[in-house]
Amino acid sequence: MPDEQVLTETVDTEVPVDTGAEAETTEIETTQPETQEPETQEIPERQPEQTQEKEEPELSEFRGMVSNRLRRMVKDNPQLAQAFKANPKLQGEIEARFRREAAHREIFPTVAEARTMRERFPNGLADVQALEEDVHEVEEIDNAFDTRDVEGNYPGHRDVINRFFERDRDAAIALLKASPREWARLDPDSYNEVMGKIVGATFQQRQIPQYVARMAQNAKAAGQDSLAADLTELQQWMEGYSAGPKPLTEEQRSLARDREKFQRETTERSQADAQRFEQNFSAEASKIQTDLIKAHPAIKRLESVAAISEEKRNKIIQDIQEATVKLLKNSPSFMRKLRPAYQSRNLEESKNIIRAGWSQPWLLNRMVRTVLARETPQMVNQNRDAAARRASAARPATPVNTGVRRTSAPKGPHQVGGIWYKGDGTKFTMAEILQGKHQAA
């Protein structure tokens, strides 16, 4: 069945991996079914337990890819089939090494990159986990520093200061001592506002304005009117630091209403702009992602399979898209580039970052293979069921018994169209054919 052949080969096809300027790239096979080769040129699939070392479970997903690679090698060098037949362990060793090599090439396209990663993280995963913990702590501090509540306050600043004290008390105290000086330099207005309130609260706590008022009264009673006037002026100056806001005039209230209306309209426009940007961003990002997935050779091959509906193809593309988005969200380098472009509502820059991130060959290769490895067995079974129903419908009705004895179908091994079948109608496997069981039976 041609559809079934394309289906099974789609997930097993070895896709190109970018390994540098001098890297060898494996060509994608055409979507058309290949011409039936003689059965003696095929090779049996070896199980990983036949190798001397126990194979890692993660390598099993590369088994089909390696089998296709060996089939192509046997086509170019037919004597390999005889060598594998004479020495099955050799085939198992080659397949195991090819699977491991394919897995390493997907993770680290070049040896230089793998060596650099090992030099950056000598302890491997332990170093990465330690770095992730540090990054998570920094992200928590950033969120506590940047996040406002509904009233416009920053409740997380208290947590930031506590973290600084827990980390290094002396350094935190030195930072706070240096803060007023830098604050007065960077924003004098807010500095004077806050510090004035602190001075006023200090005066009131120590009851200094009341003390100066009594001195003014005593001076006046003693006939020292000039001193009394100076002390009264000093009292008013000190009370000015703690006095509440003065009542607004009608003009000031009207100006405040206009300012509030303008602020409300500005906020509404900003929210509408943000919503439009989010819609445009989601639509453009989804289009870029879908187009890149559809351009993948393995996905293109699905278009030639008549048994796969358009709905099923779209579901496969959607699964690949969701898996890739989830993976890239965990990439600090990718999100560090995308987040500023998104927050500044720069759609073109966001699209370029998404396109560059999704264009990494290893990324789509991995996601496409993972999703197809999960979906292909189900599609193959559905294709077989559909083919069986078509064959049953096309089978002619049993003729009426006329007394003439019909010739029965062969009961032993027989060949139809170059394919060997057992007496019960099932196909001989490649391993059985190479072992000569189709002739011995």
Protein backbone atom coordinates (compact mmCIF):
# COMPACT_ATOMS: atom_id res chain seq x y z
CA MET A 1 0.00 0.00 0.00
CA PRO A 2 1.76 3.20 -1.14
CA ASP A 3 0.02 5.40 1.45
CA GLU A 4 1.20 3.16 4.26
CA GLN A 5 4.78 3.19 2.96
CA VAL A 6 4.87 7.00 2.85
CA LEU A 7 3.30 7.15 6.31
CA THR A 8 5.84 4.89 7.95
CA GLU A 9 8.78 6.49 6.18
CA THR A 10 7.69 10.03 7.05
CA VAL A 11 8.42 9.69 10.74
CA ASP A 12 11.58 7.66 10.14
CA THR A 13 13.16 10.00 7.61
CA GLU A 14 16.49 11.43 8.67
CA VAL A 15 16.08 15.18 8.38
CA PRO A 16 18.94 17.61 7.73
CA VAL A 17 20.78 18.95 10.76
CA ASP A 18 22.80 22.15 10.59
CA THR A 19 26.31 21.11 11.65
CA GLY A 20 28.35 23.94 10.19
CA ALA A 21 29.87 24.84 6.85
CA GLU A 22 31.49 21.48 6.26
CA ALA A 23 28.74 19.33 7.75
CA GLU A 24 27.26 16.48 5.78
CA THR A 25 23.52 16.89 5.13
CA THR A 26 21.31 13.89 4.53
CA GLU A 27 18.89 14.44 1.68
CA ILE A 28 15.18 13.99 2.26
CA GLU A 29 13.72 11.08 0.33
CA THR A 30 11.04 11.86 -2.21
CA THR A 31 7.45 11.47 -1.22
CA GLN A 32 6.81 8.94 -3.95
CA PRO A 33 6.97 5.25 -2.94
CA GLU A 34 10.21 3.65 -3.94
CA THR A 35 10.42 0.88 -6.47
CA GLN A 36 10.15 -2.55 -4.85
CA GLU A 37 13.65 -3.89 -4.33
CA PRO A 38 14.42 -7.59 -4.24
CA GLU A 39 13.68 -9.05 -0.84
CA THR A 40 17.27 -10.19 -0.44
CA GLN A 41 18.42 -6.56 -0.39
CA GLU A 42 16.40 -5.70 2.70
CA ILE A 43 17.81 -5.96 6.20
CA PRO A 44 16.08 -7.12 9.35
CA GLU A 45 15.49 -4.63 12.13
CA ARG A 46 17.65 -5.45 15.10
CA GLN A 47 16.45 -4.94 18.64
CA PRO A 48 18.66 -2.90 21.00
CA GLU A 49 18.98 -5.77 23.49
CA GLN A 50 21.04 -7.68 20.91
CA THR A 51 23.88 -5.22 21.36
CA GLN A 52 26.47 -5.77 24.02
CA GLU A 53 25.65 -2.62 26.01
CA LYS A 54 22.24 -1.74 27.36
CA GLU A 55 20.87 1.07 25.23
CA GLU A 56 19.40 4.24 26.68
CA PRO A 57 15.60 4.43 26.32
CA GLU A 58 15.85 7.88 24.70
CA LEU A 59 17.59 6.36 21.66
CA SER A 60 14.61 4.21 20.70
CA GLU A 61 12.96 7.11 18.87
CA PHE A 62 15.84 7.12 16.36
CA ARG A 63 15.38 3.43 15.46
CA GLY A 64 13.29 4.06 12.35
CA MET A 65 15.60 6.80 11.14
CA VAL A 66 18.61 4.51 11.42
CA SER A 67 16.79 1.64 9.71
CA ASN A 68 16.07 3.87 6.70
CA ARG A 69 19.70 4.95 6.68
CA LEU A 70 20.88 1.32 6.58
CA ARG A 71 18.40 0.50 3.82
CA ARG A 72 19.89 3.22 1.68
CA MET A 73 23.37 1.89 2.42
CA VAL A 74 22.29 -1.63 1.40
CA LYS A 75 20.86 -0.27 -1.86
CA ASP A 76 24.20 1.32 -2.70
CA ASN A 77 26.19 -1.67 -1.40
CA PRO A 78 24.15 -4.91 -1.79
CA GLN A 79 26.97 -6.98 -0.25
CA LEU A 80 26.13 -5.39 3.12
CA ALA A 81 22.95 -7.50 3.28
CA GLN A 82 25.02 -10.66 3.09
CA ALA A 83 27.43 -9.34 5.71
CA PHE A 84 24.57 -8.54 8.08
CA LYS A 85 23.03 -11.96 7.47
CA ALA A 86 26.31 -13.67 8.24
CA ASN A 87 26.99 -11.52 11.31
CA PRO A 88 23.78 -10.21 12.94
CA LYS A 89 25.73 -8.70 15.84
CA LEU A 90 27.54 -6.43 13.39
CA GLN A 91 24.26 -4.98 12.23
CA GLY A 92 23.16 -4.47 15.83
CA GLU A 93 26.39 -2.66 16.70
CA ILE A 94 26.16 -0.40 13.65
CA GLU A 95 22.52 0.48 14.34
CA ALA A 96 23.25 1.20 18.01
CA ARG A 97 26.14 3.50 17.12
CA PHE A 98 24.11 5.24 14.41
CA ARG A 99 21.25 5.83 16.85
CA ARG A 100 23.57 7.34 19.42
CA GLU A 101 25.29 9.46 16.78
CA ALA A 102 21.92 10.75 15.50
CA ALA A 103 20.83 11.66 19.03
CA HIS A 104 24.06 13.52 19.73
CA ARG A 105 23.88 15.38 16.42
CA GLU A 106 20.41 16.62 17.26
CA ILE A 107 21.45 17.92 20.69
CA PHE A 108 24.90 19.21 19.69
CA PRO A 109 25.23 19.74 15.92
CA THR A 110 28.99 20.19 16.25
CA VAL A 111 31.68 18.78 18.52
CA ALA A 112 32.89 22.33 19.16
CA GLU A 113 29.51 23.29 20.61
CA ALA A 114 29.43 20.21 22.83
CA ARG A 115 32.95 20.92 24.07
CA THR A 116 32.06 24.55 24.79
CA MET A 117 28.98 23.52 26.77
CA ARG A 118 31.04 21.08 28.83
CA GLU A 119 33.65 23.78 29.50
CA ARG A 120 30.94 26.23 30.58
CA PHE A 121 29.21 23.59 32.73
CA PRO A 122 31.91 21.14 33.91
CA ASN A 123 29.47 19.32 36.20
CA GLY A 124 26.82 19.07 33.49
CA LEU A 125 23.22 19.09 34.66
CA ALA A 126 24.17 19.99 38.23
CA ASP A 127 25.72 23.26 37.02
CA VAL A 128 22.68 24.02 34.87
CA GLN A 129 20.30 23.43 37.77
CA ALA A 130 22.37 25.71 40.03
CA LEU A 131 22.29 28.42 37.35
CA GLU A 132 18.53 28.02 36.97
CA GLU A 133 18.09 28.51 40.71
CA ASP A 134 20.12 31.72 40.57
CA VAL A 135 18.13 32.97 37.59
CA HIS A 136 14.85 32.12 39.33
CA GLU A 137 15.92 34.13 42.39
CA VAL A 138 16.83 37.12 40.23
CA GLU A 139 13.50 36.88 38.41
CA GLU A 140 11.65 36.91 41.74
CA ILE A 141 13.52 40.06 42.78
CA ASP A 142 12.79 41.69 39.42
CA ASN A 143 9.09 40.87 39.66
CA ALA A 144 8.91 42.18 43.23
CA PHE A 145 10.66 45.38 42.13
CA ASP A 146 8.59 46.00 38.97
CA THR A 147 5.05 44.89 39.95
CA ARG A 148 2.44 47.45 40.99
CA ASP A 149 -0.81 46.80 42.79
CA VAL A 150 -4.22 48.20 41.81
CA GLU A 151 -3.50 51.39 43.76
CA GLY A 152 -0.22 51.99 41.96
CA ASN A 153 1.97 51.01 44.90
CA TYR A 154 4.87 48.55 44.92
CA PRO A 155 4.21 46.08 47.75
CA GLY A 156 7.15 43.90 46.69
CA HIS A 157 9.76 46.53 47.56
CA ARG A 158 9.66 45.47 51.19
CA ASP A 159 10.55 41.95 50.13
CA VAL A 160 13.41 43.26 47.98
CA ILE A 161 14.92 45.15 50.92
CA ASN A 162 14.54 42.11 53.19
CA ARG A 163 16.33 39.97 50.60
CA PHE A 164 19.21 42.45 50.50
CA PHE A 165 19.54 42.36 54.29
CA GLU A 166 19.43 38.55 54.33
CA ARG A 167 22.11 38.37 51.68
CA ASP A 168 24.53 40.93 53.15
CA ARG A 169 23.44 43.20 56.01
CA ASP A 170 26.43 45.58 55.77
CA ALA A 171 26.05 45.95 52.01
CA ALA A 172 22.32 46.65 52.38
CA ILE A 173 22.95 49.35 55.00
CA ALA A 174 25.60 50.96 52.81
CA LEU A 175 23.14 50.96 49.90
CA LEU A 176 20.45 52.69 51.96
CA LYS A 177 22.91 55.29 53.22
CA ALA A 178 23.95 56.12 49.67
CA SER A 179 20.36 56.20 48.40
CA PRO A 180 19.34 59.70 49.71
CA ARG A 181 22.29 61.37 48.03
CA GLU A 182 21.65 59.71 44.68
CA TRP A 183 17.90 60.23 45.06
CA ALA A 184 18.33 63.98 45.56
CA ARG A 185 20.50 64.10 42.45
CA LEU A 186 18.21 62.02 40.21
CA ASP A 187 14.81 63.46 41.23
CA PRO A 188 14.94 66.48 43.58
CA ASP A 189 11.16 67.03 43.64
CA SER A 190 10.24 63.60 44.97
CA TYR A 191 13.20 63.71 47.35
CA ASN A 192 12.11 67.07 48.84
CA GLU A 193 8.53 65.87 49.15
CA VAL A 194 9.40 62.73 51.09
CA MET A 195 12.16 64.26 53.20
CA GLY A 196 9.96 67.24 54.08
CA LYS A 197 7.36 64.90 55.51
CA ILE A 198 10.05 63.12 57.50
CA VAL A 199 11.28 66.45 58.92
CA GLY A 200 7.72 67.53 59.78
CA ALA A 201 6.99 64.21 61.50
CA THR A 202 10.22 64.60 63.50
CA PHE A 203 9.24 68.12 64.60
CA GLN A 204 5.79 66.96 65.73
CA GLN A 205 7.16 63.91 67.53
CA ARG A 206 9.58 66.05 69.52
CA GLN A 207 6.88 68.79 70.02
CA ILE A 208 9.31 71.43 68.79
CA PRO A 209 6.62 73.75 67.26
CA GLN A 210 4.78 73.84 70.61
CA TYR A 211 8.03 74.66 72.44
CA VAL A 212 8.80 77.51 70.05
CA ALA A 213 5.23 78.83 70.52
CA ARG A 214 5.73 79.01 74.27
CA MET A 215 9.03 80.83 73.79
CA ALA A 216 7.26 83.33 71.55
CA GLN A 217 4.60 83.96 74.21
CA ASN A 218 7.24 84.45 76.92
CA ALA A 219 9.17 86.87 74.72
CA LYS A 220 6.03 88.86 74.01
CA ALA A 221 5.16 88.94 77.72
CA ALA A 222 8.67 90.21 78.46
CA GLY A 223 8.20 93.02 75.98
CA GLN A 224 10.59 91.53 73.44
CA ASP A 225 8.24 91.96 70.50
CA SER A 226 10.94 91.53 67.84
CA LEU A 227 12.09 88.21 69.29
CA ALA A 228 8.48 87.09 69.68
CA ALA A 229 7.78 87.84 65.99
CA ASP A 230 10.85 85.86 64.90
CA LEU A 231 9.87 82.89 67.07
CA THR A 232 6.28 82.97 65.71
CA GLU A 233 7.63 82.94 62.15
CA LEU A 234 9.91 79.99 63.03
CA GLN A 235 6.91 78.13 64.50
CA GLN A 236 4.88 78.64 61.31
CA TRP A 237 7.81 77.48 59.19
CA MET A 238 8.16 74.24 61.20
CA GLU A 239 4.39 73.60 61.14
CA GLY A 240 4.49 73.98 57.36
CA TYR A 241 6.37 70.67 57.06
CA SER A 242 3.60 68.73 58.77
CA ALA A 243 0.59 70.70 57.62
CA GLY A 244 -1.87 68.92 55.37
CA PRO A 245 -2.66 70.03 51.83
CA LYS A 246 -4.27 73.41 51.48
CA PRO A 247 -7.90 73.56 50.29
CA LEU A 248 -8.15 73.74 46.53
CA THR A 249 -9.67 76.66 44.74
CA GLU A 250 -12.44 76.17 42.18
CA GLU A 251 -9.94 76.65 39.37
CA GLN A 252 -7.66 74.01 40.86
CA ARG A 253 -10.54 71.56 41.27
CA SER A 254 -11.58 72.07 37.64
CA LEU A 255 -8.01 71.50 36.51
CA ALA A 256 -7.83 68.32 38.62
CA ARG A 257 -11.06 67.02 37.02
CA ASP A 258 -9.70 67.69 33.53
CA ARG A 259 -6.44 65.99 34.43
CA GLU A 260 -8.31 62.95 35.79
CA LYS A 261 -10.46 62.74 32.64
CA PHE A 262 -7.40 62.96 30.41
CA GLN A 263 -5.66 60.26 32.45
CA ARG A 264 -8.69 57.99 32.18
CA GLU A 265 -8.96 58.46 28.41
CA THR A 266 -5.23 57.87 28.03
CA THR A 267 -5.49 54.64 30.02
CA GLU A 268 -8.44 53.45 27.92
CA ARG A 269 -6.59 54.20 24.68
CA SER A 270 -3.51 52.42 25.99
CA GLN A 271 -5.57 49.36 26.90
CA ALA A 272 -7.22 49.33 23.46
CA ASP A 273 -3.84 49.66 21.75
CA ALA A 274 -2.45 46.85 23.89
CA GLN A 275 -5.40 44.62 22.98
CA ARG A 276 -5.00 45.32 19.26
CA PHE A 277 -1.27 44.63 19.47
CA GLU A 278 -1.90 41.36 21.31
CA GLN A 279 -4.34 40.25 18.60
CA ASN A 280 -1.94 41.21 15.80
CA PHE A 281 0.99 39.63 17.60
CA SER A 282 -0.85 36.35 18.16
CA ALA A 283 -2.05 36.19 14.55
CA GLU A 284 1.34 37.03 13.03
CA ALA A 285 3.25 34.72 15.38
CA SER A 286 0.88 31.84 14.65
CA LYS A 287 1.20 32.40 10.88
CA ILE A 288 5.02 32.40 11.03
CA GLN A 289 5.05 29.26 13.16
CA THR A 290 2.53 27.42 10.99
CA ASP A 291 4.30 28.33 7.74
CA LEU A 292 7.64 27.07 9.07
CA ILE A 293 6.08 23.81 10.24
CA LYS A 294 4.32 23.26 6.90
CA ALA A 295 7.60 23.85 5.08
CA HIS A 296 9.28 21.01 6.99
CA PRO A 297 10.02 18.09 4.61
CA ALA A 298 8.33 15.49 6.82
CA ILE A 299 5.12 17.54 7.01
CA LYS A 300 5.18 18.05 3.25
CA ARG A 301 5.31 14.28 2.80
CA LEU A 302 2.04 13.94 4.70
CA GLU A 303 0.30 15.86 1.91
CA SER A 304 0.88 12.91 -0.43
CA VAL A 305 -0.89 10.50 1.93
CA ALA A 306 -4.49 10.34 0.81
CA ALA A 307 -5.54 8.50 3.97
CA ILE A 308 -4.78 11.54 6.16
CA SER A 309 -7.56 14.08 6.30
CA GLU A 310 -6.98 17.82 6.30
CA GLU A 311 -8.31 17.94 9.85
CA LYS A 312 -5.74 15.37 10.98
CA ARG A 313 -2.88 17.25 9.32
CA ASN A 314 -3.96 20.48 11.01
CA LYS A 315 -4.10 18.67 14.35
CA ILE A 316 -0.52 17.41 13.86
CA ILE A 317 0.66 20.92 12.97
CA GLN A 318 -1.11 22.33 16.02
CA ASP A 319 0.52 19.76 18.32
CA ILE A 320 3.97 20.59 16.90
CA GLN A 321 3.29 24.30 17.34
CA GLU A 322 2.17 23.96 20.96
CA ALA A 323 5.14 21.77 21.88
CA THR A 324 7.61 24.19 20.30
CA VAL A 325 6.07 27.24 21.98
CA LYS A 326 6.25 25.48 25.34
CA LEU A 327 9.92 24.62 24.80
CA LEU A 328 10.96 28.11 23.69
CA LYS A 329 9.24 29.69 26.69
CA ASN A 330 11.88 27.94 28.80
CA SER A 331 14.71 29.49 26.77
CA PRO A 332 16.19 32.48 28.65
CA SER A 333 18.05 33.76 25.57
CA PHE A 334 14.94 33.62 23.38
CA MET A 335 12.63 35.24 25.94
CA ARG A 336 15.23 37.91 26.79
CA LYS A 337 15.08 39.05 23.17
CA LEU A 338 11.33 38.68 22.70
CA ARG A 339 10.14 40.28 25.97
CA PRO A 340 11.46 43.84 25.31
CA ALA A 341 10.15 43.82 21.74
CA TYR A 342 6.74 42.65 22.94
CA GLN A 343 6.54 45.13 25.83
CA SER A 344 7.48 48.02 23.52
CA ARG A 345 4.84 46.76 21.02
CA ASN A 346 7.35 46.48 18.22
CA LEU A 347 5.55 43.98 15.99
CA GLU A 348 8.18 43.75 13.25
CA GLU A 349 11.00 43.14 15.72
CA SER A 350 8.89 40.52 17.52
CA LYS A 351 8.21 38.73 14.22
CA ASN A 352 11.92 38.67 13.33
CA ILE A 353 12.82 37.22 16.73
CA ILE A 354 10.14 34.52 16.45
CA ARG A 355 11.18 33.63 12.91
CA ALA A 356 14.83 33.33 13.91
CA GLY A 357 14.04 31.21 16.95
CA TRP A 358 11.77 28.84 15.05
CA SER A 359 14.14 28.50 12.10
CA GLN A 360 16.66 26.43 14.07
CA PRO A 361 16.73 23.08 12.20
CA TRP A 362 17.26 20.92 15.28
CA LEU A 363 14.23 22.46 17.01
CA LEU A 364 11.61 21.62 14.37
CA ASN A 365 13.31 18.31 13.57
CA ARG A 366 12.89 17.22 17.17
CA MET A 367 9.30 18.43 17.54
CA VAL A 368 8.15 17.02 14.21
CA ARG A 369 9.70 13.63 14.92
CA THR A 370 8.27 13.51 18.44
CA VAL A 371 4.71 14.28 17.34
CA LEU A 372 4.82 12.03 14.29
CA ALA A 373 6.27 9.17 16.33
CA ARG A 374 3.17 9.41 18.51
CA GLU A 375 0.65 9.84 15.67
CA THR A 376 2.05 7.56 12.95
CA PRO A 377 1.18 4.16 14.48
CA GLN A 378 -2.44 5.24 14.83
CA MET A 379 -2.54 6.59 11.26
CA VAL A 380 -0.94 3.43 9.88
CA ASN A 381 -3.53 1.26 11.64
CA GLN A 382 -6.35 3.44 10.35
CA ASN A 383 -4.88 3.24 6.84
CA ARG A 384 -4.73 -0.56 7.05
CA ASP A 385 -8.31 -0.77 8.26
CA ALA A 386 -9.46 1.49 5.43
CA ALA A 387 -7.52 -0.57 2.89
CA ALA A 388 -9.03 -3.77 4.27
CA ARG A 389 -12.53 -2.32 3.98
CA ARG A 390 -11.87 -1.24 0.40
CA ALA A 391 -10.51 -4.66 -0.47
CA SER A 392 -13.52 -6.35 1.14
CA ALA A 393 -15.92 -4.13 -0.76
CA ALA A 394 -14.10 -4.78 -4.05
CA ARG A 395 -14.04 -8.60 -3.56
CA PRO A 396 -16.58 -10.29 -5.91
CA ALA A 397 -19.48 -12.13 -4.38
CA THR A 398 -19.16 -15.90 -3.95
CA PRO A 399 -20.69 -17.55 -7.04
CA VAL A 400 -23.53 -20.03 -6.75
CA ASN A 401 -22.37 -23.64 -6.34
CA THR A 402 -22.67 -25.21 -9.79
CA GLY A 403 -21.07 -28.49 -8.84
CA VAL A 404 -17.76 -27.51 -10.45
CA ARG A 405 -14.81 -27.78 -8.05
CA ARG A 406 -12.87 -24.51 -7.78
CA THR A 407 -9.13 -24.38 -7.39
CA SER A 408 -8.27 -23.37 -3.79
CA ALA A 409 -5.68 -20.71 -2.92
CA PRO A 410 -2.16 -21.98 -2.20
CA LYS A 411 -1.75 -23.11 1.38
CA GLY A 412 2.05 -22.92 1.65
CA PRO A 413 4.49 -20.04 1.17
CA HIS A 414 3.80 -18.22 -2.07
CA GLN A 415 4.92 -15.05 -3.82
CA VAL A 416 2.59 -12.37 -5.15
CA GLY A 417 3.95 -9.29 -6.90
CA GLY A 418 7.45 -9.96 -5.59
CA ILE A 419 6.27 -10.24 -1.96
CA TRP A 420 6.40 -13.53 -0.01
CA TYR A 421 3.31 -14.58 1.94
CA LYS A 422 2.76 -17.38 4.44
CA GLY A 423 0.06 -20.00 4.07
CA ASP A 424 -2.29 -17.97 6.28
CA GLY A 425 -1.85 -14.89 4.10
CA THR A 426 0.50 -12.90 6.36
CA LYS A 427 3.75 -11.49 5.02
CA PHE A 428 7.13 -12.92 5.79
CA THR A 429 9.33 -10.46 7.70
CA MET A 430 12.64 -9.34 6.26
CA ALA A 431 14.47 -11.30 8.95
CA GLU A 432 12.58 -14.51 8.05
CA ILE A 433 13.33 -14.06 4.37
CA LEU A 434 17.04 -13.48 5.00
CA GLN A 435 17.09 -16.60 7.16
CA GLY A 436 15.50 -18.57 4.31
CA LYS A 437 12.34 -19.54 6.21
CA HIS A 438 10.18 -18.75 3.16
CA GLN A 439 12.00 -21.52 1.28
CA ALA A 440 12.36 -23.94 4.16
CA ALA A 441 8.62 -23.88 4.78
